[in-house]
Amino acid sequence: MRVLHVSSGNLYGGIETLLLTLARHGNLCPGLEQHFALCFEGRLSEELATVGARVHLLGNMRVRKPLSVWRSRRVLKDVLRQHKIDIVVCHSAWPQAIFGPVARFAHLPLVFWLHSAVNGRDWLQLWARLTPPDLALCNSQFTQSTLPNMYPRVCSQLIHCPVSANTPRASDSERQATRSEFNTPTQATVIAQASRMEGGKGHELLLLALATLRELPSWVAWIVGGAQR
């Protein structure tokens, strides 16, 4: 089976980590041939290429430029035909809204992978609602509970994102170098949150929790991740 994962490619967070994990461990499912379609080149496209993944660049695309949307859709249409794709998986509302109709036009099964809570009222989600998928995959019970806000009649399955078991452990020297870079004492307890600075990621809850530790000595909080959208 040939599966095409569709994503933007211009960010790097949980979705991108998932895609890279799927690419790295594709050999665990010999009957599965994975392809990855991205609009933007960057860290994700480079790392996918490094692990030997089949990457298809759809071209830089901006919603405010309809001609660029048309061009990217045309490229995707060619990818589906040339590589005989069997199923299309759109990761979140942006690719679902823009590229879901291409899969529909090609009469291919369409899967929507939901990675964060949705309310169904955002303009992008409203656009994506115009193309209901055949199946939705959700990364948590919480996100699954919000799916009806977009697709009330679409069946869904809960799939926790896989994590690589062979992630290398940092050496003592690497840990010390990282601490030195951020002026963190060797014996300090580090409390880290890995996510973009974006609403809904839990930063407010983290700060409230840290406030209860203000009287405790020798700890530091790290916010690890890129800027907000």
Protein backbone atom coordinates (compact mmCIF):
# COMPACT_ATOMS: atom_id res chain seq x y z
CA MET A 1 0.00 0.00 0.00
CA ARG A 2 1.28 3.45 -0.94
CA VAL A 3 0.42 6.11 1.63
CA LEU A 4 1.00 9.81 1.07
CA HIS A 5 1.34 12.03 4.15
CA VAL A 6 0.57 15.69 3.41
CA SER A 7 1.82 18.52 5.62
CA SER A 8 2.99 22.11 5.27
CA GLY A 9 6.67 21.57 6.11
CA ASN A 10 7.39 25.10 7.34
CA LEU A 11 7.12 24.35 11.07
CA TYR A 12 8.83 21.83 13.32
CA GLY A 13 6.92 20.39 16.25
CA GLY A 14 4.88 17.34 17.16
CA ILE A 15 3.50 16.66 13.68
CA GLU A 16 6.92 16.90 12.10
CA THR A 17 8.46 14.67 14.78
CA LEU A 18 5.74 12.10 14.09
CA LEU A 19 6.36 12.17 10.33
CA LEU A 20 10.09 11.71 10.84
CA THR A 21 9.46 8.80 13.22
CA LEU A 22 7.18 7.12 10.68
CA ALA A 23 9.83 7.56 8.00
CA ARG A 24 12.64 6.20 10.17
CA HIS A 25 10.73 3.07 11.13
CA GLY A 26 8.88 2.36 7.91
CA ASN A 27 10.77 -0.93 7.62
CA LEU A 28 8.65 -2.29 10.48
CA CYS A 29 5.78 -2.58 8.00
CA PRO A 30 7.23 -4.11 4.79
CA GLY A 31 3.94 -3.85 2.91
CA LEU A 32 3.71 -0.10 3.46
CA GLU A 33 5.33 2.37 1.07
CA GLN A 34 5.28 5.87 2.56
CA HIS A 35 5.52 9.15 0.67
CA PHE A 36 5.63 12.66 2.11
CA ALA A 37 4.27 15.77 0.36
CA LEU A 38 5.37 19.18 1.67
CA CYS A 39 4.88 22.72 0.47
CA PHE A 40 7.94 24.25 2.06
CA GLU A 41 11.55 23.13 2.23
CA GLY A 42 13.29 23.30 5.58
CA ARG A 43 14.35 21.19 8.51
CA LEU A 44 11.62 18.59 7.99
CA SER A 45 12.28 18.04 4.29
CA GLU A 46 16.02 17.83 4.97
CA GLU A 47 15.67 15.29 7.79
CA LEU A 48 13.21 13.18 5.80
CA ALA A 49 15.64 13.12 2.89
CA THR A 50 18.47 12.16 5.25
CA VAL A 51 16.63 9.00 6.34
CA GLY A 52 15.85 8.10 2.73
CA ALA A 53 12.17 9.05 2.71
CA ARG A 54 10.31 9.75 -0.53
CA VAL A 55 9.69 13.51 -0.36
CA HIS A 56 7.58 15.41 -2.90
CA LEU A 57 7.74 19.21 -2.84
CA LEU A 58 4.48 20.82 -3.87
CA GLY A 59 5.88 24.34 -4.09
CA ASN A 60 5.68 27.33 -1.76
CA MET A 61 2.00 28.12 -1.38
CA ARG A 62 0.08 30.99 0.21
CA VAL A 63 -3.68 30.97 0.66
CA ARG A 64 -3.80 34.68 -0.15
CA LYS A 65 -2.33 33.85 -3.57
CA PRO A 66 -4.90 31.63 -5.33
CA LEU A 67 -2.57 30.90 -8.23
CA SER A 68 -0.04 29.34 -5.86
CA VAL A 69 -2.81 27.14 -4.40
CA TRP A 70 -3.77 26.01 -7.89
CA ARG A 71 -0.15 25.20 -8.76
CA SER A 72 0.44 23.16 -5.58
CA ARG A 73 -2.78 21.25 -6.13
CA ARG A 74 -1.70 20.51 -9.68
CA VAL A 75 1.63 19.14 -8.47
CA LEU A 76 -0.13 16.94 -5.90
CA LYS A 77 -2.47 15.63 -8.58
CA ASP A 78 0.57 14.58 -10.63
CA VAL A 79 2.20 12.93 -7.58
CA LEU A 80 -0.92 10.88 -6.90
CA ARG A 81 -1.05 9.68 -10.48
CA GLN A 82 2.66 9.09 -11.13
CA HIS A 83 3.31 7.19 -7.89
CA LYS A 84 0.00 5.32 -7.84
CA ILE A 85 -0.85 6.48 -4.31
CA ASP A 86 -3.51 4.36 -2.58
CA ILE A 87 -4.46 6.62 0.34
CA VAL A 88 -3.91 10.26 1.35
CA VAL A 89 -3.38 11.38 4.95
CA CYS A 90 -3.71 15.10 5.68
CA HIS A 91 -2.13 16.22 8.94
CA SER A 92 -4.36 18.93 10.48
CA ALA A 93 -6.77 21.45 8.97
CA TRP A 94 -4.43 23.39 6.67
CA PRO A 95 -3.54 20.50 4.30
CA GLN A 96 -7.04 19.04 4.70
CA ALA A 97 -8.62 22.26 3.45
CA ILE A 98 -6.20 22.82 0.60
CA PHE A 99 -5.35 19.31 -0.58
CA GLY A 100 -8.27 17.19 0.60
CA PRO A 101 -10.28 18.11 -2.52
CA VAL A 102 -7.44 16.81 -4.72
CA ALA A 103 -7.67 13.38 -3.08
CA ARG A 104 -11.43 13.45 -3.46
CA PHE A 105 -11.16 14.35 -7.16
CA ALA A 106 -8.77 11.40 -7.60
CA HIS A 107 -11.32 9.10 -5.88
CA LEU A 108 -8.78 8.09 -3.22
CA PRO A 109 -9.50 7.30 0.45
CA LEU A 110 -8.87 10.41 2.54
CA VAL A 111 -7.72 10.36 6.18
CA PHE A 112 -7.64 13.42 8.44
CA TRP A 113 -5.09 13.17 11.27
CA LEU A 114 -6.11 15.53 14.07
CA HIS A 115 -3.21 16.71 16.24
CA SER A 116 -4.83 19.45 18.33
CA ALA A 117 -8.24 20.51 19.61
CA VAL A 118 -10.61 22.13 17.12
CA ASN A 119 -13.70 24.29 17.56
CA GLY A 120 -14.96 24.18 13.98
CA ARG A 121 -15.26 27.98 13.84
CA ASP A 122 -11.81 29.06 12.70
CA TRP A 123 -11.84 30.07 9.02
CA LEU A 124 -9.37 27.33 8.13
CA GLN A 125 -11.42 24.70 9.94
CA LEU A 126 -14.57 25.94 8.21
CA TRP A 127 -12.78 25.52 4.88
CA ALA A 128 -11.62 22.02 5.83
CA ARG A 129 -15.17 21.07 6.79
CA LEU A 130 -16.14 21.33 3.13
CA THR A 131 -14.15 18.13 2.48
CA PRO A 132 -15.09 15.47 5.04
CA PRO A 133 -12.57 12.60 5.27
CA ASP A 134 -13.37 8.90 5.22
CA LEU A 135 -11.66 8.46 8.59
CA ALA A 136 -10.13 10.64 11.28
CA LEU A 137 -7.15 9.69 13.44
CA CYS A 138 -6.75 11.50 16.77
CA ASN A 139 -3.63 11.70 18.93
CA SER A 140 -5.49 11.83 22.27
CA GLN A 141 -8.90 11.36 23.82
CA PHE A 142 -9.09 15.11 24.30
CA THR A 143 -8.54 15.95 20.63
CA GLN A 144 -10.91 13.14 19.68
CA SER A 145 -13.62 14.71 21.85
CA THR A 146 -13.41 17.91 19.77
CA LEU A 147 -13.55 16.22 16.36
CA PRO A 148 -17.39 16.51 16.11
CA ASN A 149 -16.93 20.29 16.03
CA MET A 150 -15.53 19.79 12.54
CA TYR A 151 -16.81 16.42 11.40
CA PRO A 152 -19.81 15.24 13.46
CA ARG A 153 -20.47 12.21 11.25
CA VAL A 154 -16.91 11.00 10.60
CA CYS A 155 -15.65 7.83 12.30
CA SER A 156 -12.45 8.24 14.29
CA GLN A 157 -9.76 6.14 15.89
CA LEU A 158 -7.39 7.03 18.72
CA ILE A 159 -3.72 6.55 17.89
CA HIS A 160 -1.05 7.82 20.25
CA CYS A 161 1.95 9.12 18.34
CA PRO A 162 4.75 6.53 18.23
CA VAL A 163 8.05 7.37 19.89
CA SER A 164 11.41 6.04 18.75
CA ALA A 165 12.80 3.56 21.26
CA ASN A 166 16.41 4.05 20.21
CA THR A 167 16.72 7.79 20.82
CA PRO A 168 20.37 8.32 21.86
CA ARG A 169 20.93 9.43 25.45
CA ALA A 170 22.98 12.58 25.93
CA SER A 171 26.44 12.07 27.39
CA ASP A 172 27.52 13.80 30.60
CA SER A 173 29.65 16.22 28.60
CA GLU A 174 26.73 17.07 26.30
CA ARG A 175 24.45 17.66 29.26
CA GLN A 176 27.01 19.92 30.89
CA ALA A 177 27.52 21.85 27.65
CA THR A 178 23.78 22.43 27.34
CA ARG A 179 23.53 23.60 30.95
CA SER A 180 26.47 25.95 30.46
CA GLU A 181 24.84 27.42 27.35
CA PHE A 182 21.82 28.41 29.42
CA ASN A 183 23.74 29.39 32.58
CA THR A 184 22.25 26.49 34.53
CA PRO A 185 24.21 25.07 37.49
CA THR A 186 25.21 21.42 37.32
CA GLN A 187 23.19 20.43 40.38
CA ALA A 188 20.05 22.40 39.51
CA THR A 189 16.84 20.54 38.74
CA VAL A 190 15.65 21.40 35.23
CA ILE A 191 11.91 21.49 34.50
CA ALA A 192 11.50 21.59 30.72
CA GLN A 193 8.53 22.05 28.43
CA ALA A 194 9.09 21.18 24.78
CA SER A 195 6.60 23.05 22.60
CA ARG A 196 6.13 26.20 20.57
CA MET A 197 5.02 29.40 22.32
CA GLU A 198 1.42 28.95 21.27
CA GLY A 199 -1.93 29.05 23.02
CA GLY A 200 -3.17 25.68 24.19
CA LYS A 201 0.29 24.19 24.70
CA GLY A 202 0.07 24.49 28.50
CA HIS A 203 2.46 27.33 29.28
CA GLU A 204 -0.04 29.04 31.58
CA LEU A 205 -0.54 25.87 33.62
CA LEU A 206 3.21 25.38 33.82
CA LEU A 207 3.75 28.91 35.15
CA LEU A 208 1.01 28.45 37.74
CA ALA A 209 2.64 25.21 38.86
CA LEU A 210 6.09 26.80 38.99
CA ALA A 211 4.69 29.57 41.18
CA THR A 212 4.03 26.98 43.89
CA LEU A 213 7.75 26.13 43.88
CA ARG A 214 9.01 29.67 44.41
CA GLU A 215 10.27 28.90 47.92
CA LEU A 216 12.22 25.83 46.82
CA PRO A 217 15.89 26.29 45.90
CA SER A 218 17.97 25.10 42.96
CA TRP A 219 15.56 24.66 40.08
CA VAL A 220 15.19 26.32 36.69
CA ALA A 221 12.53 26.12 33.98
CA TRP A 222 13.36 25.80 30.29
CA ILE A 223 10.89 26.48 27.49
CA VAL A 224 12.18 24.46 24.53
CA GLY A 225 10.66 25.22 21.15
CA GLY A 226 10.18 27.72 18.36
CA ALA A 227 8.13 30.89 18.22
CA GLN A 228 4.38 31.05 17.88
CA ARG A 229 2.75 30.87 14.45
